[in-house]
Amino acid sequence: MAKRRALALLLCFSFVASRTLLVAGQERFGNPTAGISIAPPAGWHVMSMQQVLDNRAKVRVPDERLQAGLQSATAPLFVFAKYSEPHAGLNPTIQVVLRPRPASLPESATAILAATVPTLQRTFPDFRFVESIRATDVAGMPAATMRTTYTLRTAAGGAHKVLARTWLVPRGQFLFLIGMSGTVDGEDVAESEFTTALASITIDR
């Protein structure tokens, strides 16, 4: 249960050293150790680990154990934001996390992703599916994806409705979690930017 709770927290809030690559004029960020690279949308900002931690500290969830788990969740490989931080509203973000694949979880990507849902429902009382969990592929590798909404609440009393897109990509004894989140309407839904970023991902086999 603890492993499922930790995995679920990574889906919503997620620094290993990375390097910037230029491929055909396109800026890419790669992590050779993890074997993954991505080209963020043009003009988006790289978030530092300190900015990630600062944002986590602002989030409030209804369960004390989940709140504590949020602060200690695995650091992401990459986080990109549409606007520079600090940003007053909901800042569309892309994050990529690599973590060990718990042996206690199911084999299939869809089953692993489904195992995180109960924790997400406890964390966000208004958690809802926009698109149910289904099989897909990312960078030519079998994966699972879902699209959900929930309200992100802050210590300052703010409340932001989030449209979250999540992909889970198993690879051997590890798995990648890719999260792309924006507003539910308006220009910060960022659908085209997320589609382009997802298509840019490469993963070593």
C-alpha atoms as a PDB file:
ATOM      1  CA  MET A   1       0.000   0.000   0.000  1.00  0.00           C
ATOM      2  CA  ALA A   2       2.810   2.431   0.844  1.00  0.00           C
ATOM      3  CA  LYS A   3       4.417   1.824  -2.556  1.00  0.00           C
ATOM      4  CA  ARG A   4       1.131   2.495  -4.337  1.00  0.00           C
ATOM      5  CA  ARG A   5       0.645   5.682  -2.299  1.00  0.00           C
ATOM      6  CA  ALA A   6       4.137   6.927  -3.176  1.00  0.00           C
ATOM      7  CA  LEU A   7       3.601   6.138  -6.855  1.00  0.00           C
ATOM      8  CA  ALA A   8       0.289   7.993  -6.885  1.00  0.00           C
ATOM      9  CA  LEU A   9       1.797  11.111  -5.315  1.00  0.00           C
ATOM     10  CA  LEU A  10       4.383  11.234  -8.073  1.00  0.00           C
ATOM     11  CA  LEU A  11       1.625  11.471 -10.653  1.00  0.00           C
ATOM     12  CA  CYS A  12       0.511  14.808  -9.311  1.00  0.00           C
ATOM     13  CA  PHE A  13       3.498  16.631  -7.861  1.00  0.00           C
ATOM     14  CA  SER A  14       6.533  15.773  -9.160  1.00  0.00           C
ATOM     15  CA  PHE A  15      16.706  16.108  -9.947  1.00  0.00           C
ATOM     16  CA  VAL A  16      18.989  13.943 -11.422  1.00  0.00           C
ATOM     17  CA  ALA A  17      21.591  15.819 -13.473  1.00  0.00           C
ATOM     18  CA  SER A  18      20.567  16.241 -17.101  1.00  0.00           C
ATOM     19  CA  ARG A  19      22.253  17.694 -20.114  1.00  0.00           C
ATOM     20  CA  THR A  20      20.936  19.941 -22.885  1.00  0.00           C
ATOM     21  CA  LEU A  21      21.224  18.657 -26.433  1.00  0.00           C
ATOM     22  CA  LEU A  22      20.675  20.449 -29.723  1.00  0.00           C
ATOM     23  CA  VAL A  23      19.235  18.198 -32.411  1.00  0.00           C
ATOM     24  CA  ALA A  24      18.386  19.764 -35.784  1.00  0.00           C
ATOM     25  CA  GLY A  25      18.047  23.143 -34.088  1.00  0.00           C
ATOM     26  CA  GLN A  26      15.672  21.773 -31.453  1.00  0.00           C
ATOM     27  CA  GLU A  27      16.603  22.083 -27.790  1.00  0.00           C
ATOM     28  CA  ARG A  28      16.371  18.733 -26.039  1.00  0.00           C
ATOM     29  CA  PHE A  29      17.016  17.703 -22.466  1.00  0.00           C
ATOM     30  CA  GLY A  30      18.402  14.236 -21.942  1.00  0.00           C
ATOM     31  CA  ASN A  31      19.432  12.059 -19.054  1.00  0.00           C
ATOM     32  CA  PRO A  32      21.908   9.444 -20.319  1.00  0.00           C
ATOM     33  CA  THR A  33      21.715   7.393 -17.127  1.00  0.00           C
ATOM     34  CA  ALA A  34      17.932   7.100 -17.311  1.00  0.00           C
ATOM     35  CA  GLY A  35      18.008   6.769 -21.090  1.00  0.00           C
ATOM     36  CA  ILE A  36      15.367   9.363 -21.878  1.00  0.00           C
ATOM     37  CA  SER A  37      15.228  12.711 -23.644  1.00  0.00           C
ATOM     38  CA  ILE A  38      12.514  15.263 -24.364  1.00  0.00           C
ATOM     39  CA  ALA A  39      12.136  18.549 -26.225  1.00  0.00           C
ATOM     40  CA  PRO A  40      10.019  20.956 -24.149  1.00  0.00           C
ATOM     41  CA  PRO A  41       7.724  23.438 -25.915  1.00  0.00           C
ATOM     42  CA  ALA A  42       9.511  26.501 -27.253  1.00  0.00           C
ATOM     43  CA  GLY A  43       9.782  29.264 -24.677  1.00  0.00           C
ATOM     44  CA  TRP A  44       8.991  27.050 -21.682  1.00  0.00           C
ATOM     45  CA  HIS A  45      11.138  27.274 -18.567  1.00  0.00           C
ATOM     46  CA  VAL A  46      13.248  24.654 -16.798  1.00  0.00           C
ATOM     47  CA  MET A  47      12.275  24.432 -13.133  1.00  0.00           C
ATOM     48  CA  SER A  48      15.005  23.980 -10.546  1.00  0.00           C
ATOM     49  CA  MET A  49      14.771  21.438  -7.762  1.00  0.00           C
ATOM     50  CA  GLN A  50      14.265  24.267  -5.279  1.00  0.00           C
ATOM     51  CA  GLN A  51      11.310  25.577  -7.271  1.00  0.00           C
ATOM     52  CA  VAL A  52       9.825  22.070  -7.339  1.00  0.00           C
ATOM     53  CA  LEU A  53      10.190  21.788  -3.546  1.00  0.00           C
ATOM     54  CA  ASP A  54       8.751  25.273  -3.023  1.00  0.00           C
ATOM     55  CA  ASN A  55       5.679  24.380  -5.069  1.00  0.00           C
ATOM     56  CA  ARG A  56       5.199  21.102  -3.213  1.00  0.00           C
ATOM     57  CA  ALA A  57       5.267  23.006   0.081  1.00  0.00           C
ATOM     58  CA  LYS A  58       2.375  25.185  -1.091  1.00  0.00           C
ATOM     59  CA  VAL A  59       0.044  22.261  -1.831  1.00  0.00           C
ATOM     60  CA  ARG A  60      -2.465  21.109   0.768  1.00  0.00           C
ATOM     61  CA  VAL A  61      -4.175  17.709   0.783  1.00  0.00           C
ATOM     62  CA  PRO A  62      -6.720  16.401   3.331  1.00  0.00           C
ATOM     63  CA  ASP A  63      -4.671  13.520   4.736  1.00  0.00           C
ATOM     64  CA  GLU A  64      -1.621  14.129   6.979  1.00  0.00           C
ATOM     65  CA  ARG A  65       0.176  10.996   5.749  1.00  0.00           C
ATOM     66  CA  LEU A  66      -0.349  12.040   2.146  1.00  0.00           C
ATOM     67  CA  GLN A  67       0.856  15.549   2.968  1.00  0.00           C
ATOM     68  CA  ALA A  68       4.044  14.119   4.468  1.00  0.00           C
ATOM     69  CA  GLY A  69       4.501  11.778   1.523  1.00  0.00           C
ATOM     70  CA  LEU A  70       4.179  14.686  -0.880  1.00  0.00           C
ATOM     71  CA  GLN A  71       7.202  16.401   0.637  1.00  0.00           C
ATOM     72  CA  SER A  72       9.368  13.270   0.340  1.00  0.00           C
ATOM     73  CA  ALA A  73       8.195  12.094  -3.092  1.00  0.00           C
ATOM     74  CA  THR A  74      10.861  11.132  -5.613  1.00  0.00           C
ATOM     75  CA  ALA A  75      12.456  14.095  -7.365  1.00  0.00           C
ATOM     76  CA  PRO A  76      11.710  14.319 -11.102  1.00  0.00           C
ATOM     77  CA  LEU A  77      14.292  13.998 -13.868  1.00  0.00           C
ATOM     78  CA  PHE A  78      12.876  17.037 -15.649  1.00  0.00           C
ATOM     79  CA  VAL A  79      10.243  19.675 -14.934  1.00  0.00           C
ATOM     80  CA  PHE A  80       9.273  22.323 -17.473  1.00  0.00           C
ATOM     81  CA  ALA A  81       6.774  25.138 -16.892  1.00  0.00           C
ATOM     82  CA  LYS A  82       5.060  27.467 -19.322  1.00  0.00           C
ATOM     83  CA  TYR A  83       5.718  30.516 -17.139  1.00  0.00           C
ATOM     84  CA  SER A  84       8.671  31.438 -14.970  1.00  0.00           C
ATOM     85  CA  GLU A  85       8.163  30.937 -11.242  1.00  0.00           C
ATOM     86  CA  PRO A  86       6.734  32.354  -9.088  1.00  0.00           C
ATOM     87  CA  HIS A  87       3.468  32.389 -11.075  1.00  0.00           C
ATOM     88  CA  ALA A  88       0.177  33.525  -9.539  1.00  0.00           C
ATOM     89  CA  GLY A  89      -2.137  31.101 -11.345  1.00  0.00           C
ATOM     90  CA  LEU A  90      -1.930  27.468 -12.344  1.00  0.00           C
ATOM     91  CA  ASN A  91       1.309  27.059 -14.288  1.00  0.00           C
ATOM     92  CA  PRO A  92       1.090  24.390 -17.020  1.00  0.00           C
ATOM     93  CA  THR A  93       3.867  21.883 -16.390  1.00  0.00           C
ATOM     94  CA  ILE A  94       5.557  18.809 -17.826  1.00  0.00           C
ATOM     95  CA  GLN A  95       7.422  16.455 -15.532  1.00  0.00           C
ATOM     96  CA  VAL A  96       9.242  13.165 -16.036  1.00  0.00           C
ATOM     97  CA  VAL A  97      10.006  10.826 -13.128  1.00  0.00           C
ATOM     98  CA  LEU A  98      11.986   7.573 -13.060  1.00  0.00           C
ATOM     99  CA  ARG A  99      11.515   5.183 -10.175  1.00  0.00           C
ATOM    100  CA  PRO A 100      12.009   1.496  -9.379  1.00  0.00           C
ATOM    101  CA  ARG A 101       9.161  -0.757 -10.409  1.00  0.00           C
ATOM    102  CA  PRO A 102       7.780  -2.292  -7.198  1.00  0.00           C
ATOM    103  CA  ALA A 103       7.673  -6.075  -7.426  1.00  0.00           C
ATOM    104  CA  SER A 104       4.374  -6.083  -5.518  1.00  0.00           C
ATOM    105  CA  LEU A 105       2.537  -4.222  -8.288  1.00  0.00           C
ATOM    106  CA  PRO A 106       0.883  -5.897 -11.287  1.00  0.00           C
ATOM    107  CA  GLU A 107       2.775  -6.584 -14.510  1.00  0.00           C
ATOM    108  CA  SER A 108       0.821  -4.567 -17.061  1.00  0.00           C
ATOM    109  CA  ALA A 109       1.133  -0.796 -17.388  1.00  0.00           C
ATOM    110  CA  THR A 110      -2.635  -0.336 -17.215  1.00  0.00           C
ATOM    111  CA  ALA A 111      -2.872  -2.371 -14.002  1.00  0.00           C
ATOM    112  CA  ILE A 112      -0.020  -0.437 -12.373  1.00  0.00           C
ATOM    113  CA  LEU A 113      -1.667   2.875 -13.242  1.00  0.00           C
ATOM    114  CA  ALA A 114      -5.031   1.628 -11.972  1.00  0.00           C
ATOM    115  CA  ALA A 115      -3.404   0.732  -8.633  1.00  0.00           C
ATOM    116  CA  THR A 116      -2.672   4.424  -8.027  1.00  0.00           C
ATOM    117  CA  VAL A 117      -6.272   5.598  -8.398  1.00  0.00           C
ATOM    118  CA  PRO A 118      -7.533   4.926  -4.823  1.00  0.00           C
ATOM    119  CA  THR A 119      -4.776   7.127  -3.402  1.00  0.00           C
ATOM    120  CA  LEU A 120      -5.531   9.868  -5.917  1.00  0.00           C
ATOM    121  CA  GLN A 121      -9.193   9.718  -4.938  1.00  0.00           C
ATOM    122  CA  ARG A 122      -8.287  10.172  -1.268  1.00  0.00           C
ATOM    123  CA  THR A 123      -5.882  12.988  -2.082  1.00  0.00           C
ATOM    124  CA  PHE A 124      -8.365  14.887  -4.250  1.00  0.00           C
ATOM    125  CA  PRO A 125     -12.019  14.421  -3.234  1.00  0.00           C
ATOM    126  CA  ASP A 126     -13.255  15.693  -6.621  1.00  0.00           C
ATOM    127  CA  PHE A 127     -10.892  13.465  -8.650  1.00  0.00           C
ATOM    128  CA  ARG A 128     -12.652  12.411 -11.871  1.00  0.00           C
ATOM    129  CA  PHE A 129     -11.733  10.609 -15.070  1.00  0.00           C
ATOM    130  CA  VAL A 130     -11.988  12.543 -18.312  1.00  0.00           C
ATOM    131  CA  GLU A 131     -10.571   9.560 -20.200  1.00  0.00           C
ATOM    132  CA  SER A 132     -10.336   6.153 -18.536  1.00  0.00           C
ATOM    133  CA  ILE A 133      -7.081   4.227 -18.247  1.00  0.00           C
ATOM    134  CA  ARG A 134      -6.121   2.604 -21.523  1.00  0.00           C
ATOM    135  CA  ALA A 135      -3.133   1.009 -23.210  1.00  0.00           C
ATOM    136  CA  THR A 136      -1.007   3.146 -25.521  1.00  0.00           C
ATOM    137  CA  ASP A 137       2.651   3.570 -26.433  1.00  0.00           C
ATOM    138  CA  VAL A 138       5.255   6.237 -25.725  1.00  0.00           C
ATOM    139  CA  ALA A 139       8.407   6.402 -27.852  1.00  0.00           C
ATOM    140  CA  GLY A 140       7.439   3.022 -29.296  1.00  0.00           C
ATOM    141  CA  MET A 141       7.220   1.350 -25.883  1.00  0.00           C
ATOM    142  CA  PRO A 142       4.064  -0.163 -24.304  1.00  0.00           C
ATOM    143  CA  ALA A 143       2.488   2.258 -21.843  1.00  0.00           C
ATOM    144  CA  ALA A 144      -0.712   3.252 -20.103  1.00  0.00           C
ATOM    145  CA  THR A 145      -2.406   6.635 -20.028  1.00  0.00           C
ATOM    146  CA  MET A 146      -5.293   8.427 -18.378  1.00  0.00           C
ATOM    147  CA  ARG A 147      -6.749  11.934 -18.360  1.00  0.00           C
ATOM    148  CA  THR A 148      -8.234  13.273 -15.134  1.00  0.00           C
ATOM    149  CA  THR A 149      -9.389  16.417 -13.368  1.00  0.00           C
ATOM    150  CA  TYR A 150      -9.100  17.486  -9.740  1.00  0.00           C
ATOM    151  CA  THR A 151      -8.818  20.625  -7.635  1.00  0.00           C
ATOM    152  CA  LEU A 152      -5.357  21.558  -6.378  1.00  0.00           C
ATOM    153  CA  ARG A 153      -5.557  23.516  -3.120  1.00  0.00           C
ATOM    154  CA  THR A 154      -2.807  25.668  -1.631  1.00  0.00           C
ATOM    155  CA  ALA A 155      -1.792  26.759   1.850  1.00  0.00           C
ATOM    156  CA  ALA A 156      -2.808  30.328   0.949  1.00  0.00           C
ATOM    157  CA  GLY A 157      -6.388  29.214   0.317  1.00  0.00           C
ATOM    158  CA  GLY A 158      -6.170  29.042  -3.454  1.00  0.00           C
ATOM    159  CA  ALA A 159      -8.006  26.431  -5.498  1.00  0.00           C
ATOM    160  CA  HIS A 160      -7.062  25.546  -9.066  1.00  0.00           C
ATOM    161  CA  LYS A 161      -8.964  23.124 -11.286  1.00  0.00           C
ATOM    162  CA  VAL A 162      -6.432  20.891 -13.040  1.00  0.00           C
ATOM    163  CA  LEU A 163      -6.657  18.840 -16.219  1.00  0.00           C
ATOM    164  CA  ALA A 164      -3.950  16.199 -15.873  1.00  0.00           C
ATOM    165  CA  ARG A 165      -2.605  13.826 -18.501  1.00  0.00           C
ATOM    166  CA  THR A 166      -0.540  10.901 -17.235  1.00  0.00           C
ATOM    167  CA  TRP A 167       1.535   8.240 -18.956  1.00  0.00           C
ATOM    168  CA  LEU A 168       3.218   5.286 -17.254  1.00  0.00           C
ATOM    169  CA  VAL A 169       5.949   3.477 -19.192  1.00  0.00           C
ATOM    170  CA  PRO A 170       7.467   0.316 -17.689  1.00  0.00           C
ATOM    171  CA  ARG A 171      11.042  -0.498 -18.698  1.00  0.00           C
ATOM    172  CA  GLY A 172      12.630  -3.513 -17.050  1.00  0.00           C
ATOM    173  CA  GLN A 173      12.941  -3.002 -13.301  1.00  0.00           C
ATOM    174  CA  PHE A 174      12.020   0.671 -13.591  1.00  0.00           C
ATOM    175  CA  LEU A 175       9.166   2.776 -14.857  1.00  0.00           C
ATOM    176  CA  PHE A 176       8.772   6.282 -16.194  1.00  0.00           C
ATOM    177  CA  LEU A 177       5.941   8.527 -15.055  1.00  0.00           C
ATOM    178  CA  ILE A 178       5.183  11.389 -17.405  1.00  0.00           C
ATOM    179  CA  GLY A 179       2.750  14.051 -16.234  1.00  0.00           C
ATOM    180  CA  MET A 180       1.441  17.035 -18.179  1.00  0.00           C
ATOM    181  CA  SER A 181      -0.984  19.329 -16.373  1.00  0.00           C
ATOM    182  CA  GLY A 182      -2.766  22.562 -17.219  1.00  0.00           C
ATOM    183  CA  THR A 183      -6.036  24.383 -16.741  1.00  0.00           C
ATOM    184  CA  VAL A 184      -9.375  22.883 -17.774  1.00  0.00           C
ATOM    185  CA  ASP A 185     -10.115  25.730 -20.203  1.00  0.00           C
ATOM    186  CA  GLY A 186      -8.477  28.703 -21.877  1.00  0.00           C
ATOM    187  CA  GLU A 187      -5.029  28.988 -23.424  1.00  0.00           C
ATOM    188  CA  ASP A 188      -3.331  27.278 -20.492  1.00  0.00           C
ATOM    189  CA  VAL A 189      -4.938  23.945 -21.304  1.00  0.00           C
ATOM    190  CA  ALA A 190      -1.777  23.770 -23.449  1.00  0.00           C
ATOM    191  CA  GLU A 191      -3.012  20.784 -25.456  1.00  0.00           C
ATOM    192  CA  SER A 192      -0.909  21.405 -28.554  1.00  0.00           C
ATOM    193  CA  GLU A 193       2.247  21.994 -26.492  1.00  0.00           C
ATOM    194  CA  PHE A 194       1.724  18.749 -24.586  1.00  0.00           C
ATOM    195  CA  THR A 195       1.064  16.772 -27.778  1.00  0.00           C
ATOM    196  CA  THR A 196       4.295  18.045 -29.322  1.00  0.00           C
ATOM    197  CA  ALA A 197       6.337  17.363 -26.180  1.00  0.00           C
ATOM    198  CA  LEU A 198       5.002  13.805 -25.882  1.00  0.00           C
ATOM    199  CA  ALA A 199       5.851  13.066 -29.508  1.00  0.00           C
ATOM    200  CA  SER A 200       9.417  14.324 -28.931  1.00  0.00           C
ATOM    201  CA  ILE A 201      10.240  11.805 -26.188  1.00  0.00           C
ATOM    202  CA  THR A 202      12.870   9.167 -26.891  1.00  0.00           C
ATOM    203  CA  ILE A 203      13.589   6.236 -24.549  1.00  0.00           C
ATOM    204  CA  ASP A 204      16.535   3.861 -24.845  1.00  0.00           C
ATOM    205  CA  ARG A 205      15.498   0.232 -25.029  1.00  0.00           C
END
